[in-house]
Amino acid sequence: MSKNILIVDDSSMMRLALQSSLVETGYTVIEAVDGLDALEKLKSGVKISLIVCDVNMPNMDGLTFVKTYKTMPEYQYIPVLMLTTEGSSDKKEEGKAAGVRAWMVKPFNKEMLMNAIGKLINM
């Protein structure tokens, strides 16, 4: 059975790049344009195995989204990988405190990303 990955990024180009890499690896992809959209997708009832999320987005940024969904008992155990241009240790610490499991800086190395995703999904 294929695993569902929720991609949360306001860049359609980034979502497309991620989707093509994930689909060819056998994952099913659900896309969201920001944190608010991602919360709606979570609430739709589809089982999500992993969230790949950007930090800087309009309406609701990635860290706020993670802090929000981690308070919801039915979703709090979904692992999240931040894929962002943010590389500061402050942001990474804030992410870690919020429950982010992995942090990668864009542009991403496809092999490293797929490795990280595989490890997070199979924990």
N, C-alpha and C. Protein backbone atom coordinates (compact mmCIF):
# COMPACT_ATOMS: atom_id res chain seq x y z
N MET A 1 0.84 -1.20 0.00
CA MET A 1 0.00 0.00 0.00
C MET A 1 0.88 1.25 0.00
N SER A 2 0.52 2.18 -0.83
CA SER A 2 1.32 3.40 -0.95
C SER A 2 1.08 4.33 0.24
N LYS A 3 2.11 5.02 0.65
CA LYS A 3 2.02 5.95 1.78
C LYS A 3 1.72 7.35 1.27
N ASN A 4 0.89 8.09 2.02
CA ASN A 4 0.52 9.45 1.64
C ASN A 4 1.47 10.45 2.28
N ILE A 5 2.00 11.35 1.45
CA ILE A 5 2.86 12.41 1.94
C ILE A 5 2.20 13.75 1.62
N LEU A 6 2.09 14.58 2.65
CA LEU A 6 1.51 15.91 2.49
C LEU A 6 2.65 16.90 2.26
N ILE A 7 2.63 17.57 1.11
CA ILE A 7 3.62 18.60 0.79
C ILE A 7 2.97 19.95 1.06
N VAL A 8 3.62 20.76 1.89
CA VAL A 8 3.09 22.08 2.23
C VAL A 8 4.12 23.12 1.80
N ASP A 9 3.83 23.81 0.69
CA ASP A 9 4.76 24.81 0.17
C ASP A 9 3.98 25.78 -0.71
N ASP A 10 4.26 27.08 -0.58
CA ASP A 10 3.53 28.05 -1.38
C ASP A 10 4.07 28.14 -2.81
N SER A 11 5.21 27.51 -3.09
CA SER A 11 5.78 27.54 -4.44
C SER A 11 5.28 26.35 -5.25
N SER A 12 4.54 26.63 -6.33
CA SER A 12 4.02 25.55 -7.17
C SER A 12 5.17 24.79 -7.83
N MET A 13 6.26 25.46 -8.15
CA MET A 13 7.42 24.79 -8.75
C MET A 13 8.04 23.79 -7.75
N MET A 14 8.14 24.19 -6.50
CA MET A 14 8.71 23.30 -5.48
C MET A 14 7.78 22.10 -5.25
N ARG A 15 6.47 22.35 -5.19
CA ARG A 15 5.53 21.23 -5.01
C ARG A 15 5.63 20.25 -6.18
N LEU A 16 5.76 20.79 -7.39
CA LEU A 16 5.87 19.95 -8.58
C LEU A 16 7.15 19.12 -8.54
N ALA A 17 8.27 19.73 -8.18
CA ALA A 17 9.55 19.03 -8.11
C ALA A 17 9.49 17.91 -7.07
N LEU A 18 8.93 18.23 -5.90
CA LEU A 18 8.79 17.23 -4.85
C LEU A 18 7.85 16.11 -5.27
N GLN A 19 6.73 16.50 -5.85
CA GLN A 19 5.74 15.50 -6.25
C GLN A 19 6.33 14.51 -7.24
N SER A 20 7.06 15.00 -8.25
CA SER A 20 7.59 14.07 -9.25
C SER A 20 8.59 13.10 -8.62
N SER A 21 9.44 13.59 -7.70
CA SER A 21 10.39 12.71 -7.02
C SER A 21 9.67 11.67 -6.16
N LEU A 22 8.64 12.11 -5.45
CA LEU A 22 7.93 11.21 -4.53
C LEU A 22 7.09 10.18 -5.26
N VAL A 23 6.40 10.61 -6.31
CA VAL A 23 5.53 9.70 -7.06
C VAL A 23 6.36 8.61 -7.74
N GLU A 24 7.52 8.99 -8.30
CA GLU A 24 8.34 7.97 -8.96
C GLU A 24 8.94 6.99 -7.95
N THR A 25 8.96 7.37 -6.67
CA THR A 25 9.45 6.48 -5.62
C THR A 25 8.30 5.63 -5.06
N GLY A 26 7.07 5.91 -5.50
CA GLY A 26 5.94 5.08 -5.09
C GLY A 26 5.02 5.68 -4.04
N TYR A 27 5.26 6.94 -3.68
CA TYR A 27 4.40 7.59 -2.68
C TYR A 27 3.22 8.28 -3.36
N THR A 28 2.16 8.49 -2.59
CA THR A 28 1.02 9.28 -3.04
C THR A 28 1.19 10.66 -2.43
N VAL A 29 0.96 11.70 -3.22
CA VAL A 29 1.21 13.06 -2.76
C VAL A 29 -0.09 13.85 -2.65
N ILE A 30 -0.21 14.56 -1.54
CA ILE A 30 -1.31 15.50 -1.33
C ILE A 30 -0.63 16.86 -1.16
N GLU A 31 -1.14 17.87 -1.85
CA GLU A 31 -0.50 19.19 -1.82
C GLU A 31 -1.32 20.21 -1.05
N ALA A 32 -0.60 21.11 -0.36
CA ALA A 32 -1.23 22.24 0.32
C ALA A 32 -0.37 23.47 0.05
N VAL A 33 -1.01 24.63 -0.08
CA VAL A 33 -0.29 25.86 -0.45
C VAL A 33 0.21 26.66 0.75
N ASP A 34 -0.29 26.33 1.95
CA ASP A 34 0.17 27.00 3.17
C ASP A 34 -0.34 26.20 4.38
N GLY A 35 -0.02 26.66 5.57
CA GLY A 35 -0.40 25.95 6.77
C GLY A 35 -1.89 25.78 6.96
N LEU A 36 -2.66 26.81 6.62
CA LEU A 36 -4.12 26.73 6.76
C LEU A 36 -4.69 25.66 5.84
N ASP A 37 -4.21 25.67 4.59
CA ASP A 37 -4.65 24.67 3.61
C ASP A 37 -4.26 23.27 4.09
N ALA A 38 -3.06 23.15 4.67
CA ALA A 38 -2.58 21.86 5.17
C ALA A 38 -3.47 21.34 6.30
N LEU A 39 -3.88 22.22 7.19
CA LEU A 39 -4.78 21.80 8.28
C LEU A 39 -6.09 21.26 7.71
N GLU A 40 -6.61 21.91 6.67
CA GLU A 40 -7.84 21.43 6.03
C GLU A 40 -7.63 20.05 5.43
N LYS A 41 -6.46 19.85 4.79
CA LYS A 41 -6.16 18.55 4.17
C LYS A 41 -6.06 17.47 5.26
N LEU A 42 -5.44 17.79 6.39
CA LEU A 42 -5.35 16.83 7.50
C LEU A 42 -6.74 16.44 7.98
N LYS A 43 -7.61 17.45 8.12
CA LYS A 43 -8.95 17.21 8.64
C LYS A 43 -9.86 16.47 7.67
N SER A 44 -9.42 16.32 6.41
CA SER A 44 -10.25 15.65 5.40
C SER A 44 -10.36 14.15 5.68
N GLY A 45 -9.50 13.64 6.58
CA GLY A 45 -9.61 12.24 6.95
C GLY A 45 -8.65 11.30 6.24
N VAL A 46 -7.88 11.82 5.28
CA VAL A 46 -6.90 10.99 4.58
C VAL A 46 -5.75 10.69 5.54
N LYS A 47 -5.31 9.44 5.58
CA LYS A 47 -4.22 9.07 6.47
C LYS A 47 -2.90 9.58 5.88
N ILE A 48 -2.19 10.38 6.64
CA ILE A 48 -0.92 10.96 6.19
C ILE A 48 0.22 10.27 6.94
N SER A 49 1.25 9.84 6.20
CA SER A 49 2.40 9.16 6.81
C SER A 49 3.53 10.12 7.14
N LEU A 50 3.60 11.24 6.39
CA LEU A 50 4.68 12.20 6.57
C LEU A 50 4.26 13.55 6.00
N ILE A 51 4.77 14.62 6.61
CA ILE A 51 4.54 15.97 6.09
C ILE A 51 5.89 16.56 5.72
N VAL A 52 5.99 17.08 4.50
CA VAL A 52 7.17 17.83 4.06
C VAL A 52 6.71 19.28 3.95
N CYS A 53 7.33 20.17 4.74
CA CYS A 53 6.78 21.51 4.90
C CYS A 53 7.84 22.60 4.76
N ASP A 54 7.46 23.70 4.14
CA ASP A 54 8.30 24.89 4.05
C ASP A 54 8.06 25.73 5.30
N VAL A 55 8.97 26.65 5.59
CA VAL A 55 8.78 27.54 6.74
C VAL A 55 8.05 28.81 6.32
N ASN A 56 8.59 29.50 5.32
CA ASN A 56 8.05 30.81 4.92
C ASN A 56 6.91 30.67 3.92
N MET A 57 5.68 30.91 4.41
CA MET A 57 4.49 30.86 3.56
C MET A 57 3.50 31.91 4.05
N PRO A 58 2.62 32.38 3.13
CA PRO A 58 1.58 33.32 3.56
C PRO A 58 0.50 32.61 4.37
N ASN A 59 -0.37 33.37 5.01
CA ASN A 59 -1.53 32.88 5.78
C ASN A 59 -1.15 32.14 7.06
N MET A 60 -0.38 31.05 6.94
CA MET A 60 0.13 30.36 8.13
C MET A 60 1.47 29.74 7.75
N ASP A 61 2.54 30.18 8.44
CA ASP A 61 3.87 29.66 8.13
C ASP A 61 4.02 28.23 8.64
N GLY A 62 5.10 27.60 8.21
CA GLY A 62 5.33 26.19 8.53
C GLY A 62 5.47 25.89 10.01
N LEU A 63 6.18 26.73 10.74
CA LEU A 63 6.37 26.47 12.17
C LEU A 63 5.06 26.61 12.94
N THR A 64 4.26 27.60 12.57
CA THR A 64 2.95 27.76 13.21
C THR A 64 2.07 26.55 12.89
N PHE A 65 2.12 26.10 11.64
CA PHE A 65 1.36 24.92 11.24
C PHE A 65 1.76 23.70 12.08
N VAL A 66 3.07 23.47 12.22
CA VAL A 66 3.54 22.31 13.00
C VAL A 66 3.08 22.42 14.45
N LYS A 67 3.25 23.61 15.04
CA LYS A 67 2.82 23.80 16.44
C LYS A 67 1.32 23.54 16.58
N THR A 68 0.55 23.94 15.57
CA THR A 68 -0.91 23.76 15.61
C THR A 68 -1.30 22.30 15.48
N TYR A 69 -0.77 21.61 14.46
CA TYR A 69 -1.23 20.23 14.27
C TYR A 69 -0.68 19.29 15.35
N LYS A 70 0.44 19.64 15.96
CA LYS A 70 1.00 18.79 17.03
C LYS A 70 0.13 18.82 18.29
N THR A 71 -0.78 19.81 18.40
CA THR A 71 -1.68 19.87 19.55
C THR A 71 -2.94 19.02 19.32
N MET A 72 -3.11 18.50 18.11
CA MET A 72 -4.31 17.73 17.76
C MET A 72 -4.00 16.25 17.93
N PRO A 73 -4.61 15.59 18.91
CA PRO A 73 -4.26 14.20 19.24
C PRO A 73 -4.23 13.24 18.06
N GLU A 74 -5.15 13.41 17.13
CA GLU A 74 -5.21 12.44 16.02
C GLU A 74 -4.10 12.63 14.99
N TYR A 75 -3.39 13.75 15.04
CA TYR A 75 -2.33 14.02 14.04
C TYR A 75 -0.95 14.20 14.66
N GLN A 76 -0.87 14.32 15.97
CA GLN A 76 0.38 14.74 16.61
C GLN A 76 1.58 13.84 16.35
N TYR A 77 1.34 12.58 15.94
CA TYR A 77 2.46 11.67 15.72
C TYR A 77 2.94 11.61 14.28
N ILE A 78 2.33 12.40 13.40
CA ILE A 78 2.80 12.43 12.01
C ILE A 78 4.15 13.15 11.98
N PRO A 79 5.20 12.47 11.49
CA PRO A 79 6.51 13.14 11.44
C PRO A 79 6.53 14.25 10.40
N VAL A 80 7.35 15.27 10.65
CA VAL A 80 7.46 16.37 9.70
C VAL A 80 8.92 16.63 9.38
N LEU A 81 9.16 16.83 8.08
CA LEU A 81 10.47 17.21 7.58
C LEU A 81 10.34 18.63 7.04
N MET A 82 11.12 19.55 7.57
CA MET A 82 11.10 20.92 7.07
C MET A 82 12.07 21.00 5.89
N LEU A 83 11.56 21.49 4.77
CA LEU A 83 12.37 21.70 3.58
C LEU A 83 12.23 23.17 3.24
N THR A 84 13.29 23.95 3.50
CA THR A 84 13.15 25.39 3.50
C THR A 84 14.45 26.09 3.12
N THR A 85 14.37 27.37 2.85
CA THR A 85 15.58 28.16 2.62
C THR A 85 16.17 28.63 3.94
N GLU A 86 15.41 28.45 5.03
CA GLU A 86 15.85 28.87 6.36
C GLU A 86 16.91 27.90 6.90
N GLY A 87 18.10 28.41 7.18
CA GLY A 87 19.13 27.54 7.70
C GLY A 87 19.65 27.97 9.06
N SER A 88 19.05 29.02 9.64
CA SER A 88 19.57 29.54 10.91
C SER A 88 19.34 28.56 12.05
N SER A 89 20.28 28.52 12.97
CA SER A 89 20.15 27.59 14.10
C SER A 89 18.95 27.96 14.98
N ASP A 90 18.60 29.26 15.04
CA ASP A 90 17.43 29.68 15.80
C ASP A 90 16.16 29.03 15.27
N LYS A 91 15.99 29.08 13.94
CA LYS A 91 14.80 28.49 13.31
C LYS A 91 14.80 26.99 13.52
N LYS A 92 15.98 26.36 13.35
CA LYS A 92 16.06 24.90 13.53
C LYS A 92 15.70 24.51 14.95
N GLU A 93 16.16 25.29 15.92
CA GLU A 93 15.84 25.02 17.33
C GLU A 93 14.35 25.17 17.59
N GLU A 94 13.77 26.23 17.00
CA GLU A 94 12.33 26.45 17.15
C GLU A 94 11.56 25.28 16.54
N GLY A 95 12.04 24.81 15.39
CA GLY A 95 11.41 23.67 14.73
C GLY A 95 11.51 22.41 15.57
N LYS A 96 12.70 22.17 16.11
CA LYS A 96 12.92 20.98 16.94
C LYS A 96 12.01 21.01 18.16
N ALA A 97 11.90 22.18 18.79
CA ALA A 97 11.03 22.34 19.96
C ALA A 97 9.56 22.09 19.59
N ALA A 98 9.19 22.43 18.35
CA ALA A 98 7.80 22.25 17.90
C ALA A 98 7.51 20.80 17.52
N GLY A 99 8.57 20.00 17.32
CA GLY A 99 8.36 18.60 16.96
C GLY A 99 8.83 18.22 15.58
N VAL A 100 9.59 19.11 14.91
CA VAL A 100 10.13 18.80 13.59
C VAL A 100 11.19 17.70 13.75
N ARG A 101 11.10 16.65 12.92
CA ARG A 101 12.02 15.51 13.03
C ARG A 101 13.27 15.67 12.19
N ALA A 102 13.16 16.40 11.05
CA ALA A 102 14.31 16.57 10.16
C ALA A 102 14.22 17.94 9.50
N TRP A 103 15.38 18.48 9.14
CA TRP A 103 15.46 19.82 8.56
C TRP A 103 16.42 19.78 7.38
N MET A 104 15.96 20.18 6.21
CA MET A 104 16.82 20.25 5.02
C MET A 104 16.68 21.64 4.40
N VAL A 105 17.80 22.14 3.90
CA VAL A 105 17.81 23.46 3.29
C VAL A 105 17.72 23.32 1.77
N LYS A 106 16.85 24.14 1.16
CA LYS A 106 16.71 24.18 -0.31
C LYS A 106 17.93 24.88 -0.90
N PRO A 107 18.34 24.57 -2.11
CA PRO A 107 17.80 23.50 -2.97
C PRO A 107 18.19 22.14 -2.41
N PHE A 108 17.32 21.14 -2.60
CA PHE A 108 17.56 19.84 -1.98
C PHE A 108 18.27 18.88 -2.92
N ASN A 109 19.00 17.95 -2.31
CA ASN A 109 19.62 16.85 -3.03
C ASN A 109 18.58 15.73 -3.00
N LYS A 110 18.13 15.31 -4.17
CA LYS A 110 17.03 14.34 -4.27
C LYS A 110 17.33 13.05 -3.50
N GLU A 111 18.54 12.53 -3.65
CA GLU A 111 18.90 11.27 -2.99
C GLU A 111 18.86 11.42 -1.47
N MET A 112 19.42 12.52 -0.96
CA MET A 112 19.41 12.75 0.49
C MET A 112 17.98 12.92 1.00
N LEU A 113 17.16 13.65 0.22
CA LEU A 113 15.77 13.87 0.62
C LEU A 113 15.01 12.55 0.67
N MET A 114 15.15 11.73 -0.37
CA MET A 114 14.43 10.45 -0.41
C MET A 114 14.89 9.53 0.73
N ASN A 115 16.18 9.57 1.05
CA ASN A 115 16.72 8.81 2.17
C ASN A 115 16.06 9.22 3.48
N ALA A 116 16.02 10.54 3.71
CA ALA A 116 15.43 11.08 4.95
C ALA A 116 13.95 10.72 5.03
N ILE A 117 13.24 10.84 3.91
CA ILE A 117 11.81 10.52 3.88
C ILE A 117 11.60 9.05 4.20
N GLY A 118 12.40 8.19 3.60
CA GLY A 118 12.29 6.74 3.85
C GLY A 118 12.49 6.41 5.32
N LYS A 119 13.49 7.05 5.94
CA LYS A 119 13.77 6.79 7.36
C LYS A 119 12.62 7.28 8.23
N LEU A 120 12.11 8.47 7.95
CA LEU A 120 11.02 9.03 8.77
C LEU A 120 9.74 8.22 8.67
N ILE A 121 9.44 7.75 7.48
CA ILE A 121 8.21 6.98 7.26
C ILE A 121 8.30 5.61 7.91
N ASN A 122 9.48 5.04 7.95
CA ASN A 122 9.62 3.69 8.49
C ASN A 122 9.99 3.62 9.95
N MET A 123 9.89 4.74 10.68
CA MET A 123 10.24 4.75 12.10
C MET A 123 9.20 3.98 12.90
